[in-house]
Amino acid sequence: MSRHGHTHEETEKHELATETSSNTCRLALVAVVNFLGFLAELAGGLLFGSVALLSDAFHMLFDMLAYAMAFGASYTAEQFEGRDEWSYGLHRLEPVAAFLNGILLVPMVGYILWESYHRFLDPVSIDPTMTLIIAVGGLLINLGSVYIVQGREMSLNERGAFYHLLGDAGGSVAVIISTLAVVIFDLPIADPVAAVLIGVLILVSAGKVFRGSTSILLE
């Protein structure tokens, strides 16, 4: 019985290690994909004058940093075995990374609101066709990333990244709708309005991450 129990315990440990490694790889993949999306949206926002697209690009950049930090925390915790002084290993890095991810969202919202304010005062014409193409591409990247991350029980660290993804998808939808409003109704103000909505989505994401990570860090 003892030998069987020992074998069963080793099997469970192996399955857990395999699952953790798989989760870490997913976070790394999502980080790379979103970095490529950030570069595309940044170039599009600068070239075609859309502050909504530019704000979504920065949203994607900070999300990429969030995934990179989540990956780093998960990988470090995976490699480090618990010792007497740190009996939990380094798994506390995950809520710490999630907390820092929430902090990183705040200055980005400030930038988006500041830029949107100036666009309200002085609307800027955009290239709707190229903006729409890039925004749709960004949405596809967001949906692909959601597909990679979801579908199983997630750690707090991964939930933080998941909320970022949902916010990104909402941001891309806002850019698409605002661009269509510019094309159909000739409303250039729709672009900064979409940027403000993206800022609200970011703050909601930050609030969820803050609450979850703080409750664990204060235990």
N, C-alpha and C. Protein backbone atom coordinates (compact mmCIF):
# COMPACT_ATOMS: atom_id res chain seq x y z
N MET A 1 0.84 -1.20 0.00
CA MET A 1 0.00 0.00 0.00
C MET A 1 0.87 1.25 0.00
N SER A 2 1.93 1.21 0.83
CA SER A 2 2.81 2.36 0.94
C SER A 2 3.49 2.66 -0.39
N ARG A 3 3.90 1.56 -1.07
CA ARG A 3 4.58 1.75 -2.34
C ARG A 3 3.61 2.30 -3.39
N HIS A 4 2.37 1.75 -3.35
CA HIS A 4 1.36 2.22 -4.29
C HIS A 4 1.04 3.69 -4.05
N GLY A 5 0.89 4.04 -2.75
CA GLY A 5 0.59 5.42 -2.40
C GLY A 5 1.71 6.36 -2.83
N HIS A 6 2.94 5.89 -2.67
CA HIS A 6 4.08 6.72 -3.05
C HIS A 6 4.09 6.94 -4.56
N THR A 7 3.76 5.88 -5.30
CA THR A 7 3.72 5.99 -6.76
C THR A 7 2.61 6.94 -7.19
N HIS A 8 1.46 6.84 -6.53
CA HIS A 8 0.34 7.72 -6.85
C HIS A 8 0.70 9.17 -6.58
N GLU A 9 1.40 9.41 -5.46
CA GLU A 9 1.82 10.77 -5.12
C GLU A 9 2.79 11.32 -6.16
N GLU A 10 3.72 10.47 -6.60
CA GLU A 10 4.67 10.92 -7.62
C GLU A 10 3.94 11.24 -8.93
N THR A 11 2.93 10.44 -9.26
CA THR A 11 2.15 10.69 -10.48
C THR A 11 1.44 12.03 -10.40
N GLU A 12 0.84 12.33 -9.24
CA GLU A 12 0.15 13.60 -9.07
C GLU A 12 1.11 14.77 -9.19
N LYS A 13 2.29 14.64 -8.61
CA LYS A 13 3.29 15.70 -8.69
C LYS A 13 3.72 15.92 -10.14
N HIS A 14 3.89 14.81 -10.86
CA HIS A 14 4.30 14.92 -12.26
C HIS A 14 3.22 15.61 -13.09
N GLU A 15 1.95 15.24 -12.83
CA GLU A 15 0.85 15.87 -13.58
C GLU A 15 0.75 17.35 -13.26
N LEU A 16 0.95 17.71 -11.99
CA LEU A 16 0.91 19.12 -11.59
C LEU A 16 2.03 19.91 -12.25
N ALA A 17 3.24 19.30 -12.25
CA ALA A 17 4.38 19.97 -12.88
C ALA A 17 4.16 20.16 -14.38
N THR A 18 3.57 19.15 -15.01
CA THR A 18 3.27 19.23 -16.44
C THR A 18 2.27 20.32 -16.73
N GLU A 19 1.21 20.42 -15.89
CA GLU A 19 0.19 21.44 -16.08
C GLU A 19 0.76 22.84 -15.87
N THR A 20 1.59 22.99 -14.83
CA THR A 20 2.22 24.28 -14.56
C THR A 20 3.11 24.72 -15.72
N SER A 21 3.89 23.77 -16.24
CA SER A 21 4.75 24.07 -17.38
C SER A 21 3.94 24.49 -18.60
N SER A 22 2.81 23.80 -18.81
CA SER A 22 1.93 24.14 -19.93
C SER A 22 1.35 25.54 -19.77
N ASN A 23 0.93 25.90 -18.54
CA ASN A 23 0.40 27.22 -18.29
C ASN A 23 1.46 28.29 -18.53
N THR A 24 2.69 28.02 -18.12
CA THR A 24 3.79 28.95 -18.32
C THR A 24 4.04 29.19 -19.80
N CYS A 25 4.00 28.13 -20.59
CA CYS A 25 4.20 28.25 -22.04
C CYS A 25 3.09 29.07 -22.68
N ARG A 26 1.85 28.89 -22.18
CA ARG A 26 0.73 29.66 -22.72
C ARG A 26 0.94 31.15 -22.46
N LEU A 27 1.36 31.49 -21.26
CA LEU A 27 1.60 32.90 -20.93
C LEU A 27 2.69 33.49 -21.82
N ALA A 28 3.74 32.72 -22.08
CA ALA A 28 4.82 33.20 -22.94
C ALA A 28 4.31 33.42 -24.36
N LEU A 29 3.50 32.50 -24.86
CA LEU A 29 2.96 32.62 -26.22
C LEU A 29 2.06 33.85 -26.34
N VAL A 30 1.20 34.06 -25.35
CA VAL A 30 0.30 35.21 -25.38
C VAL A 30 1.10 36.51 -25.33
N ALA A 31 2.18 36.55 -24.56
CA ALA A 31 3.02 37.75 -24.48
C ALA A 31 3.62 38.08 -25.84
N VAL A 32 4.13 37.08 -26.54
CA VAL A 32 4.74 37.31 -27.86
C VAL A 32 3.70 37.79 -28.86
N VAL A 33 2.55 37.14 -28.88
CA VAL A 33 1.48 37.49 -29.84
C VAL A 33 1.02 38.93 -29.61
N ASN A 34 0.84 39.32 -28.34
CA ASN A 34 0.36 40.66 -28.05
C ASN A 34 1.42 41.72 -28.30
N PHE A 35 2.68 41.38 -28.19
CA PHE A 35 3.74 42.34 -28.53
C PHE A 35 3.70 42.65 -30.02
N LEU A 36 3.47 41.64 -30.85
CA LEU A 36 3.36 41.86 -32.29
C LEU A 36 2.12 42.71 -32.60
N GLY A 37 1.03 42.46 -31.88
CA GLY A 37 -0.17 43.26 -32.06
C GLY A 37 0.06 44.71 -31.65
N PHE A 38 0.81 44.92 -30.56
CA PHE A 38 1.14 46.28 -30.12
C PHE A 38 1.90 47.03 -31.20
N LEU A 39 2.89 46.40 -31.81
CA LEU A 39 3.68 47.06 -32.84
C LEU A 39 2.80 47.47 -34.02
N ALA A 40 1.88 46.58 -34.41
CA ALA A 40 0.99 46.88 -35.54
C ALA A 40 0.05 48.04 -35.21
N GLU A 41 -0.55 48.04 -34.01
CA GLU A 41 -1.49 49.09 -33.66
C GLU A 41 -0.78 50.41 -33.39
N LEU A 42 0.42 50.37 -32.83
CA LEU A 42 1.19 51.59 -32.60
C LEU A 42 1.51 52.27 -33.93
N ALA A 43 2.00 51.48 -34.88
CA ALA A 43 2.31 52.03 -36.20
C ALA A 43 1.06 52.59 -36.85
N GLY A 44 -0.06 51.86 -36.75
CA GLY A 44 -1.31 52.32 -37.34
C GLY A 44 -1.82 53.60 -36.70
N GLY A 45 -1.76 53.69 -35.37
CA GLY A 45 -2.22 54.89 -34.68
C GLY A 45 -1.41 56.12 -35.05
N LEU A 46 -0.09 55.94 -35.17
CA LEU A 46 0.78 57.07 -35.52
C LEU A 46 0.62 57.48 -36.99
N LEU A 47 0.50 56.49 -37.86
CA LEU A 47 0.42 56.77 -39.29
C LEU A 47 -0.94 57.31 -39.72
N PHE A 48 -2.02 56.82 -39.08
CA PHE A 48 -3.36 57.13 -39.55
C PHE A 48 -4.15 58.02 -38.60
N GLY A 49 -3.51 58.51 -37.53
CA GLY A 49 -4.08 59.56 -36.70
C GLY A 49 -5.15 59.16 -35.72
N SER A 50 -5.31 57.90 -35.41
CA SER A 50 -6.38 57.46 -34.51
C SER A 50 -5.87 57.35 -33.07
N VAL A 51 -6.40 58.20 -32.17
CA VAL A 51 -6.01 58.12 -30.76
C VAL A 51 -6.61 56.88 -30.12
N ALA A 52 -7.78 56.45 -30.62
CA ALA A 52 -8.38 55.22 -30.09
C ALA A 52 -7.49 54.03 -30.40
N LEU A 53 -6.98 53.97 -31.63
CA LEU A 53 -6.08 52.88 -32.01
C LEU A 53 -4.77 52.96 -31.24
N LEU A 54 -4.29 54.19 -31.04
CA LEU A 54 -3.05 54.37 -30.28
C LEU A 54 -3.23 53.95 -28.82
N SER A 55 -4.39 54.30 -28.24
CA SER A 55 -4.65 53.91 -26.85
C SER A 55 -4.78 52.40 -26.73
N ASP A 56 -5.40 51.77 -27.74
CA ASP A 56 -5.52 50.32 -27.72
C ASP A 56 -4.15 49.67 -27.87
N ALA A 57 -3.26 50.33 -28.63
CA ALA A 57 -1.90 49.81 -28.77
C ALA A 57 -1.17 49.82 -27.42
N PHE A 58 -1.30 50.92 -26.68
CA PHE A 58 -0.66 50.98 -25.37
C PHE A 58 -1.30 50.01 -24.39
N HIS A 59 -2.61 49.83 -24.54
CA HIS A 59 -3.28 48.81 -23.73
C HIS A 59 -2.66 47.45 -24.01
N MET A 60 -2.43 47.16 -25.27
CA MET A 60 -1.85 45.88 -25.65
C MET A 60 -0.40 45.76 -25.17
N LEU A 61 0.33 46.90 -25.18
CA LEU A 61 1.72 46.89 -24.69
C LEU A 61 1.76 46.52 -23.21
N PHE A 62 0.94 47.19 -22.42
CA PHE A 62 0.95 46.90 -20.99
C PHE A 62 0.42 45.51 -20.70
N ASP A 63 -0.49 45.04 -21.54
CA ASP A 63 -0.93 43.66 -21.39
C ASP A 63 0.21 42.70 -21.69
N MET A 64 1.00 43.03 -22.72
CA MET A 64 2.17 42.20 -23.04
C MET A 64 3.12 42.15 -21.84
N LEU A 65 3.35 43.32 -21.21
CA LEU A 65 4.19 43.35 -20.02
C LEU A 65 3.57 42.52 -18.90
N ALA A 66 2.23 42.58 -18.80
CA ALA A 66 1.54 41.79 -17.78
C ALA A 66 1.77 40.30 -18.01
N TYR A 67 1.65 39.86 -19.26
CA TYR A 67 1.86 38.45 -19.56
C TYR A 67 3.31 38.05 -19.34
N ALA A 68 4.23 38.97 -19.70
CA ALA A 68 5.65 38.67 -19.51
C ALA A 68 5.97 38.53 -18.03
N MET A 69 5.40 39.42 -17.21
CA MET A 69 5.61 39.33 -15.76
C MET A 69 4.96 38.07 -15.20
N ALA A 70 3.76 37.76 -15.69
CA ALA A 70 3.09 36.54 -15.24
C ALA A 70 3.90 35.31 -15.61
N PHE A 71 4.46 35.33 -16.82
CA PHE A 71 5.31 34.22 -17.26
C PHE A 71 6.55 34.11 -16.38
N GLY A 72 7.19 35.26 -16.11
CA GLY A 72 8.40 35.23 -15.27
C GLY A 72 8.12 34.71 -13.88
N ALA A 73 7.00 35.16 -13.29
CA ALA A 73 6.65 34.69 -11.94
C ALA A 73 6.33 33.20 -11.94
N SER A 74 5.57 32.77 -12.93
CA SER A 74 5.19 31.36 -13.01
C SER A 74 6.41 30.48 -13.26
N TYR A 75 7.30 30.92 -14.15
CA TYR A 75 8.49 30.12 -14.47
C TYR A 75 9.42 30.03 -13.27
N THR A 76 9.62 31.17 -12.57
CA THR A 76 10.51 31.18 -11.40
C THR A 76 9.97 30.27 -10.30
N ALA A 77 8.65 30.39 -10.05
CA ALA A 77 8.03 29.54 -9.02
C ALA A 77 8.12 28.07 -9.40
N GLU A 78 8.03 27.79 -10.69
CA GLU A 78 8.09 26.42 -11.16
C GLU A 78 9.48 25.82 -10.96
N GLN A 79 10.51 26.65 -11.13
CA GLN A 79 11.88 26.14 -11.04
C GLN A 79 12.40 26.06 -9.60
N PHE A 80 11.77 26.82 -8.70
CA PHE A 80 12.28 26.91 -7.34
C PHE A 80 11.57 25.92 -6.44
N GLU A 81 12.30 25.08 -5.76
CA GLU A 81 11.72 24.14 -4.81
C GLU A 81 11.72 24.75 -3.41
N GLY A 82 10.63 24.51 -2.67
CA GLY A 82 10.50 25.08 -1.34
C GLY A 82 11.61 24.63 -0.40
N ARG A 83 12.02 25.55 0.46
CA ARG A 83 13.03 25.25 1.48
C ARG A 83 12.44 25.56 2.85
N ASP A 84 13.24 25.34 3.89
CA ASP A 84 12.73 25.57 5.24
C ASP A 84 12.29 27.01 5.45
N GLU A 85 13.09 27.98 4.93
CA GLU A 85 12.76 29.39 5.15
C GLU A 85 11.63 29.87 4.24
N TRP A 86 11.50 29.24 3.07
CA TRP A 86 10.43 29.58 2.14
C TRP A 86 9.66 28.30 1.80
N SER A 87 8.81 27.88 2.74
CA SER A 87 8.15 26.59 2.58
C SER A 87 7.18 26.56 1.39
N TYR A 88 6.71 27.74 0.97
CA TYR A 88 5.81 27.78 -0.18
C TYR A 88 6.58 27.96 -1.49
N GLY A 89 7.90 27.93 -1.42
CA GLY A 89 8.67 28.22 -2.63
C GLY A 89 8.54 29.68 -2.98
N LEU A 90 8.48 30.00 -4.27
CA LEU A 90 8.33 31.38 -4.71
C LEU A 90 6.97 31.63 -5.37
N HIS A 91 5.97 30.85 -4.98
CA HIS A 91 4.67 31.01 -5.62
C HIS A 91 3.97 32.31 -5.22
N ARG A 92 4.48 32.99 -4.17
CA ARG A 92 3.93 34.30 -3.83
C ARG A 92 4.28 35.34 -4.91
N LEU A 93 5.23 35.02 -5.77
CA LEU A 93 5.56 35.94 -6.86
C LEU A 93 4.35 36.15 -7.78
N GLU A 94 3.48 35.17 -7.88
CA GLU A 94 2.35 35.29 -8.79
C GLU A 94 1.39 36.41 -8.37
N PRO A 95 0.91 36.45 -7.09
CA PRO A 95 0.06 37.60 -6.73
C PRO A 95 0.81 38.92 -6.74
N VAL A 96 2.13 38.91 -6.46
CA VAL A 96 2.93 40.13 -6.55
C VAL A 96 2.95 40.64 -7.99
N ALA A 97 3.15 39.72 -8.95
CA ALA A 97 3.15 40.11 -10.36
C ALA A 97 1.79 40.64 -10.77
N ALA A 98 0.72 40.00 -10.29
CA ALA A 98 -0.62 40.46 -10.61
C ALA A 98 -0.86 41.86 -10.06
N PHE A 99 -0.38 42.12 -8.83
CA PHE A 99 -0.53 43.44 -8.21
C PHE A 99 0.22 44.50 -9.03
N LEU A 100 1.45 44.19 -9.44
CA LEU A 100 2.22 45.13 -10.24
C LEU A 100 1.56 45.38 -11.59
N ASN A 101 0.94 44.34 -12.15
CA ASN A 101 0.22 44.51 -13.41
C ASN A 101 -0.90 45.55 -13.26
N GLY A 102 -1.60 45.48 -12.13
CA GLY A 102 -2.66 46.45 -11.89
C GLY A 102 -2.13 47.87 -11.78
N ILE A 103 -0.98 48.02 -11.11
CA ILE A 103 -0.36 49.34 -10.99
C ILE A 103 0.03 49.90 -12.36
N LEU A 104 0.55 49.04 -13.23
CA LEU A 104 1.00 49.48 -14.54
C LEU A 104 -0.15 50.01 -15.40
N LEU A 105 -1.38 49.57 -15.11
CA LEU A 105 -2.51 50.02 -15.90
C LEU A 105 -2.86 51.48 -15.63
N VAL A 106 -2.58 51.97 -14.44
CA VAL A 106 -3.05 53.30 -14.04
C VAL A 106 -2.42 54.43 -14.86
N PRO A 107 -1.08 54.51 -15.01
CA PRO A 107 -0.53 55.61 -15.81
C PRO A 107 -0.96 55.56 -17.26
N MET A 108 -1.23 54.38 -17.78
CA MET A 108 -1.70 54.28 -19.15
C MET A 108 -3.06 54.95 -19.31
N VAL A 109 -3.94 54.78 -18.33
CA VAL A 109 -5.25 55.42 -18.38
C VAL A 109 -5.09 56.94 -18.36
N GLY A 110 -4.16 57.43 -17.54
CA GLY A 110 -3.90 58.87 -17.49
C GLY A 110 -3.50 59.42 -18.85
N TYR A 111 -2.63 58.70 -19.55
CA TYR A 111 -2.20 59.14 -20.88
C TYR A 111 -3.38 59.14 -21.86
N ILE A 112 -4.18 58.08 -21.83
CA ILE A 112 -5.31 57.98 -22.75
C ILE A 112 -6.29 59.13 -22.52
N LEU A 113 -6.63 59.42 -21.27
CA LEU A 113 -7.57 60.48 -20.97
C LEU A 113 -7.02 61.84 -21.37
N TRP A 114 -5.74 62.06 -21.14
CA TRP A 114 -5.10 63.33 -21.52
C TRP A 114 -5.13 63.53 -23.03
N GLU A 115 -4.77 62.51 -23.77
CA GLU A 115 -4.77 62.60 -25.23
C GLU A 115 -6.19 62.76 -25.75
N SER A 116 -7.15 62.07 -25.17
CA SER A 116 -8.54 62.18 -25.60
C SER A 116 -9.08 63.58 -25.34
N TYR A 117 -8.68 64.17 -24.22
CA TYR A 117 -9.11 65.53 -23.90
C TYR A 117 -8.68 66.51 -25.00
N HIS A 118 -7.45 66.38 -25.45
CA HIS A 118 -6.96 67.25 -26.52
C HIS A 118 -7.70 66.98 -27.83
N ARG A 119 -8.07 65.73 -28.07
CA ARG A 119 -8.81 65.41 -29.29
C ARG A 119 -10.24 65.95 -29.23
N PHE A 120 -10.81 66.03 -28.03
CA PHE A 120 -12.12 66.66 -27.89
C PHE A 120 -12.05 68.14 -28.27
N LEU A 121 -10.99 68.81 -27.82
CA LEU A 121 -10.82 70.23 -28.10
C LEU A 121 -10.49 70.48 -29.56
N ASP A 122 -9.70 69.59 -30.14
CA ASP A 122 -9.25 69.77 -31.52
C ASP A 122 -9.31 68.43 -32.24
N PRO A 123 -10.48 68.04 -32.76
CA PRO A 123 -10.62 66.75 -33.43
C PRO A 123 -9.65 66.60 -34.60
N VAL A 124 -9.12 65.41 -34.75
CA VAL A 124 -8.14 65.12 -35.80
C VAL A 124 -8.76 64.10 -36.76
N SER A 125 -8.61 64.36 -38.06
CA SER A 125 -9.12 63.41 -39.05
C SER A 125 -8.26 62.16 -39.06
N ILE A 126 -8.88 61.01 -39.27
CA ILE A 126 -8.17 59.74 -39.29
C ILE A 126 -8.37 59.05 -40.64
N ASP A 127 -7.54 58.06 -40.90
CA ASP A 127 -7.72 57.22 -42.08
C ASP A 127 -8.61 56.04 -41.65
N PRO A 128 -9.91 56.10 -41.93
CA PRO A 128 -10.83 55.09 -41.38
C PRO A 128 -10.59 53.68 -41.92
N THR A 129 -10.22 53.58 -43.19
CA THR A 129 -10.05 52.25 -43.78
C THR A 129 -8.91 51.48 -43.11
N MET A 130 -7.74 52.11 -43.03
CA MET A 130 -6.59 51.44 -42.44
C MET A 130 -6.77 51.24 -40.94
N THR A 131 -7.39 52.23 -40.29
CA THR A 131 -7.67 52.09 -38.85
C THR A 131 -8.57 50.90 -38.59
N LEU A 132 -9.59 50.74 -39.43
CA LEU A 132 -10.53 49.63 -39.27
C LEU A 132 -9.84 48.28 -39.50
N ILE A 133 -8.99 48.21 -40.51
CA ILE A 133 -8.28 46.97 -40.81
C ILE A 133 -7.39 46.56 -39.63
N ILE A 134 -6.65 47.52 -39.10
CA ILE A 134 -5.74 47.22 -37.99
C ILE A 134 -6.53 46.87 -36.72
N ALA A 135 -7.65 47.57 -36.49
CA ALA A 135 -8.46 47.28 -35.31
C ALA A 135 -9.04 45.87 -35.37
N VAL A 136 -9.50 45.46 -36.55
CA VAL A 136 -10.02 44.10 -36.71
C VAL A 136 -8.91 43.08 -36.47
N GLY A 137 -7.71 43.38 -36.98
CA GLY A 137 -6.57 42.51 -36.72
C GLY A 137 -6.26 42.40 -35.24
N GLY A 138 -6.34 43.54 -34.53
CA GLY A 138 -6.12 43.53 -33.08
C GLY A 138 -7.16 42.70 -32.36
N LEU A 139 -8.41 42.78 -32.80
CA LEU A 139 -9.48 41.99 -32.18
C LEU A 139 -9.23 40.50 -32.39
N LEU A 140 -8.78 40.12 -33.57
CA LEU A 140 -8.49 38.71 -33.84
C LEU A 140 -7.35 38.21 -32.94
N ILE A 141 -6.35 39.07 -32.72
CA ILE A 141 -5.26 38.70 -31.81
C ILE A 141 -5.80 38.51 -30.38
N ASN A 142 -6.68 39.42 -29.94
CA ASN A 142 -7.27 39.31 -28.61
C ASN A 142 -8.06 38.01 -28.46
N LEU A 143 -8.90 37.71 -29.46
CA LEU A 143 -9.71 36.50 -29.39
C LEU A 143 -8.84 35.25 -29.42
N GLY A 144 -7.78 35.28 -30.22
CA GLY A 144 -6.86 34.14 -30.25
C GLY A 144 -6.18 33.95 -28.91
N SER A 145 -5.80 35.05 -28.26
CA SER A 145 -5.15 34.97 -26.95
C SER A 145 -6.12 34.45 -25.89
N VAL A 146 -7.38 34.89 -25.96
CA VAL A 146 -8.40 34.39 -25.03
C VAL A 146 -8.56 32.88 -25.19
N TYR A 147 -8.55 32.43 -26.43
CA TYR A 147 -8.69 30.99 -26.70
C TYR A 147 -7.51 30.22 -26.11
N ILE A 148 -6.32 30.79 -26.17
CA ILE A 148 -5.13 30.12 -25.64
C ILE A 148 -5.21 29.99 -24.11
N VAL A 149 -5.68 31.06 -23.45
CA VAL A 149 -5.63 31.10 -21.99
C VAL A 149 -6.81 30.39 -21.33
N GLN A 150 -8.02 30.53 -21.90
CA GLN A 150 -9.22 30.04 -21.23
C GLN A 150 -9.36 28.53 -21.38
N GLY A 151 -10.45 28.02 -20.77
CA GLY A 151 -10.79 26.61 -20.94
C GLY A 151 -10.31 25.71 -19.84
N ARG A 152 -9.81 26.28 -18.74
CA ARG A 152 -9.36 25.47 -17.63
C ARG A 152 -9.33 26.36 -16.39
N GLU A 153 -9.10 25.75 -15.22
CA GLU A 153 -9.01 26.54 -14.00
C GLU A 153 -7.73 27.36 -14.03
N MET A 154 -7.85 28.66 -13.72
CA MET A 154 -6.70 29.56 -13.81
C MET A 154 -6.27 30.02 -12.43
N SER A 155 -4.97 30.26 -12.29
CA SER A 155 -4.44 30.85 -11.07
C SER A 155 -4.78 32.33 -11.07
N LEU A 156 -4.55 33.01 -9.93
CA LEU A 156 -4.78 34.45 -9.85
C LEU A 156 -3.94 35.17 -10.90
N ASN A 157 -2.71 34.75 -11.04
CA ASN A 157 -1.81 35.34 -12.01
C ASN A 157 -2.39 35.26 -13.42
N GLU A 158 -2.91 34.09 -13.76
CA GLU A 158 -3.48 33.89 -15.09
C GLU A 158 -4.81 34.61 -15.24
N ARG A 159 -5.58 34.70 -14.16
CA ARG A 159 -6.84 35.45 -14.23
C ARG A 159 -6.57 36.92 -14.49
N GLY A 160 -5.48 37.44 -13.87
CA GLY A 160 -5.11 38.83 -14.13
C GLY A 160 -4.82 39.05 -15.61
N ALA A 161 -4.08 38.12 -16.20
CA ALA A 161 -3.79 38.21 -17.63
C ALA A 161 -5.06 38.07 -18.45
N PHE A 162 -5.98 37.20 -17.99
CA PHE A 162 -7.23 36.98 -18.72
C PHE A 162 -8.08 38.24 -18.74
N TYR A 163 -8.15 38.95 -17.60
CA TYR A 163 -8.92 40.19 -17.56
C TYR A 163 -8.32 41.23 -18.50
N HIS A 164 -6.99 41.24 -18.57
CA HIS A 164 -6.33 42.13 -19.53
C HIS A 164 -6.80 41.81 -20.95
N LEU A 165 -6.88 40.53 -21.26
CA LEU A 165 -7.29 40.10 -22.60
C LEU A 165 -8.71 40.55 -22.91
N LEU A 166 -9.61 40.40 -21.95
CA LEU A 166 -10.99 40.81 -22.17
C LEU A 166 -11.07 42.32 -22.38
N GLY A 167 -10.30 43.07 -21.59
CA GLY A 167 -10.26 44.51 -21.78
C GLY A 167 -9.72 44.89 -23.14
N ASP A 168 -8.70 44.16 -23.59
CA ASP A 168 -8.15 44.39 -24.93
C ASP A 168 -9.20 44.16 -26.01
N ALA A 169 -9.93 43.06 -25.88
CA ALA A 169 -10.95 42.74 -26.88
C ALA A 169 -12.02 43.83 -26.91
N GLY A 170 -12.43 44.28 -25.72
CA GLY A 170 -13.40 45.38 -25.66
C GLY A 170 -12.86 46.65 -26.27
N GLY A 171 -11.57 46.91 -26.05
CA GLY A 171 -10.94 48.08 -26.64
C GLY A 171 -10.93 48.02 -28.16
N SER A 172 -10.63 46.86 -28.71
CA SER A 172 -10.62 46.70 -30.16
C SER A 172 -12.02 46.90 -30.74
N VAL A 173 -13.04 46.38 -30.04
CA VAL A 173 -14.42 46.57 -30.49
C VAL A 173 -14.78 48.06 -30.47
N ALA A 174 -14.35 48.78 -29.43
CA ALA A 174 -14.62 50.21 -29.34
C ALA A 174 -13.97 50.96 -30.50
N VAL A 175 -12.75 50.59 -30.86
CA VAL A 175 -12.08 51.24 -31.99
C VAL A 175 -12.84 50.97 -33.29
N ILE A 176 -13.29 49.74 -33.48
CA ILE A 176 -14.04 49.38 -34.69
C ILE A 176 -15.33 50.20 -34.78
N ILE A 177 -16.08 50.26 -33.67
CA ILE A 177 -17.34 51.00 -33.67
C ILE A 177 -17.11 52.49 -33.92
N SER A 178 -16.10 53.06 -33.25
CA SER A 178 -15.85 54.49 -33.43
C SER A 178 -15.41 54.80 -34.86
N THR A 179 -14.65 53.91 -35.47
CA THR A 179 -14.21 54.13 -36.85
C THR A 179 -15.40 54.06 -37.81
N LEU A 180 -16.30 53.12 -37.58
CA LEU A 180 -17.51 53.04 -38.40
C LEU A 180 -18.37 54.30 -38.22
N ALA A 181 -18.39 54.85 -36.99
CA ALA A 181 -19.14 56.09 -36.75
C ALA A 181 -18.54 57.26 -37.53
N VAL A 182 -17.21 57.28 -37.62
CA VAL A 182 -16.54 58.32 -38.40
C VAL A 182 -16.90 58.19 -39.88
N VAL A 183 -16.91 56.96 -40.38
CA VAL A 183 -17.18 56.71 -41.80
C VAL A 183 -18.64 56.98 -42.15
N ILE A 184 -19.56 56.46 -41.33
CA ILE A 184 -20.99 56.50 -41.67
C ILE A 184 -21.63 57.84 -41.31
N PHE A 185 -21.31 58.36 -40.12
CA PHE A 185 -21.98 59.55 -39.62
C PHE A 185 -21.08 60.79 -39.61
N ASP A 186 -19.84 60.64 -40.06
CA ASP A 186 -18.89 61.76 -40.08
C ASP A 186 -18.76 62.39 -38.68
N LEU A 187 -18.42 61.54 -37.71
CA LEU A 187 -18.28 61.98 -36.32
C LEU A 187 -16.84 61.77 -35.85
N PRO A 188 -15.94 62.71 -36.12
CA PRO A 188 -14.54 62.54 -35.69
C PRO A 188 -14.39 62.45 -34.18
N ILE A 189 -15.40 62.98 -33.43
CA ILE A 189 -15.33 62.93 -31.97
C ILE A 189 -15.49 61.50 -31.44
N ALA A 190 -15.99 60.61 -32.29
CA ALA A 190 -16.18 59.21 -31.88
C ALA A 190 -14.85 58.55 -31.53
N ASP A 191 -13.77 59.00 -32.16
CA ASP A 191 -12.45 58.41 -31.90
C ASP A 191 -11.99 58.65 -30.46
N PRO A 192 -11.96 59.91 -29.96
CA PRO A 192 -11.58 60.11 -28.54
C PRO A 192 -12.59 59.53 -27.57
N VAL A 193 -13.89 59.49 -27.95
CA VAL A 193 -14.88 58.86 -27.07
C VAL A 193 -14.56 57.39 -26.87
N ALA A 194 -14.18 56.70 -27.96
CA ALA A 194 -13.79 55.30 -27.86
C ALA A 194 -12.56 55.14 -26.98
N ALA A 195 -11.61 56.08 -27.09
CA ALA A 195 -10.40 56.01 -26.26
C ALA A 195 -10.74 56.11 -24.78
N VAL A 196 -11.70 56.98 -24.43
CA VAL A 196 -12.13 57.11 -23.03
C VAL A 196 -12.78 55.81 -22.55
N LEU A 197 -13.61 55.20 -23.40
CA LEU A 197 -14.24 53.93 -23.03
C LEU A 197 -13.19 52.85 -22.79
N ILE A 198 -12.14 52.85 -23.61
CA ILE A 198 -11.05 51.90 -23.39
C ILE A 198 -10.39 52.15 -22.04
N GLY A 199 -10.22 53.43 -21.69
CA GLY A 199 -9.64 53.77 -20.39
C GLY A 199 -10.48 53.24 -19.24
N VAL A 200 -11.81 53.31 -19.37
CA VAL A 200 -12.71 52.77 -18.34
C VAL A 200 -12.55 51.26 -18.23
N LEU A 201 -12.46 50.58 -19.38
CA LEU A 201 -12.25 49.13 -19.37
C LEU A 201 -10.94 48.77 -18.65
N ILE A 202 -9.91 49.56 -18.89
CA ILE A 202 -8.62 49.31 -18.26
C ILE A 202 -8.74 49.46 -16.74
N LEU A 203 -9.45 50.49 -16.27
CA LEU A 203 -9.60 50.70 -14.84
C LEU A 203 -10.38 49.56 -14.19
N VAL A 204 -11.39 49.05 -14.88
CA VAL A 204 -12.14 47.90 -14.36
C VAL A 204 -11.22 46.70 -14.22
N SER A 205 -10.38 46.46 -15.23
CA SER A 205 -9.42 45.35 -15.18
C SER A 205 -8.47 45.53 -14.00
N ALA A 206 -7.97 46.76 -13.84
CA ALA A 206 -7.02 47.03 -12.74
C ALA A 206 -7.67 46.78 -11.39
N GLY A 207 -8.95 47.18 -11.24
CA GLY A 207 -9.64 46.99 -9.96
C GLY A 207 -9.77 45.53 -9.60
N LYS A 208 -10.10 44.69 -10.58
CA LYS A 208 -10.24 43.26 -10.32
C LYS A 208 -8.91 42.64 -9.91
N VAL A 209 -7.84 43.05 -10.59
CA VAL A 209 -6.52 42.50 -10.28
C VAL A 209 -6.07 42.95 -8.90
N PHE A 210 -6.29 44.24 -8.57
CA PHE A 210 -5.91 44.77 -7.27
C PHE A 210 -6.60 44.02 -6.14
N ARG A 211 -7.91 43.83 -6.27
CA ARG A 211 -8.66 43.17 -5.20
C ARG A 211 -8.19 41.73 -4.98
N GLY A 212 -8.03 41.00 -6.07
CA GLY A 212 -7.61 39.61 -5.93
C GLY A 212 -6.22 39.44 -5.38
N SER A 213 -5.28 40.23 -5.89
CA SER A 213 -3.89 40.08 -5.45
C SER A 213 -3.70 40.61 -4.03
N THR A 214 -4.36 41.72 -3.69
CA THR A 214 -4.22 42.29 -2.34
C THR A 214 -4.74 41.34 -1.28
N SER A 215 -5.87 40.69 -1.55
CA SER A 215 -6.44 39.78 -0.56
C SER A 215 -5.49 38.62 -0.25
N ILE A 216 -4.74 38.19 -1.24
CA ILE A 216 -3.77 37.10 -1.00
C ILE A 216 -2.52 37.63 -0.30
N LEU A 217 -2.02 38.79 -0.74
CA LEU A 217 -0.79 39.32 -0.14
C LEU A 217 -0.98 39.70 1.33
N LEU A 218 -2.19 40.02 1.72
CA LEU A 218 -2.46 40.42 3.11
C LEU A 218 -2.80 39.24 4.01
N GLU A 219 -2.81 38.02 3.47
CA GLU A 219 -3.10 36.85 4.30
C GLU A 219 -2.00 36.65 5.34
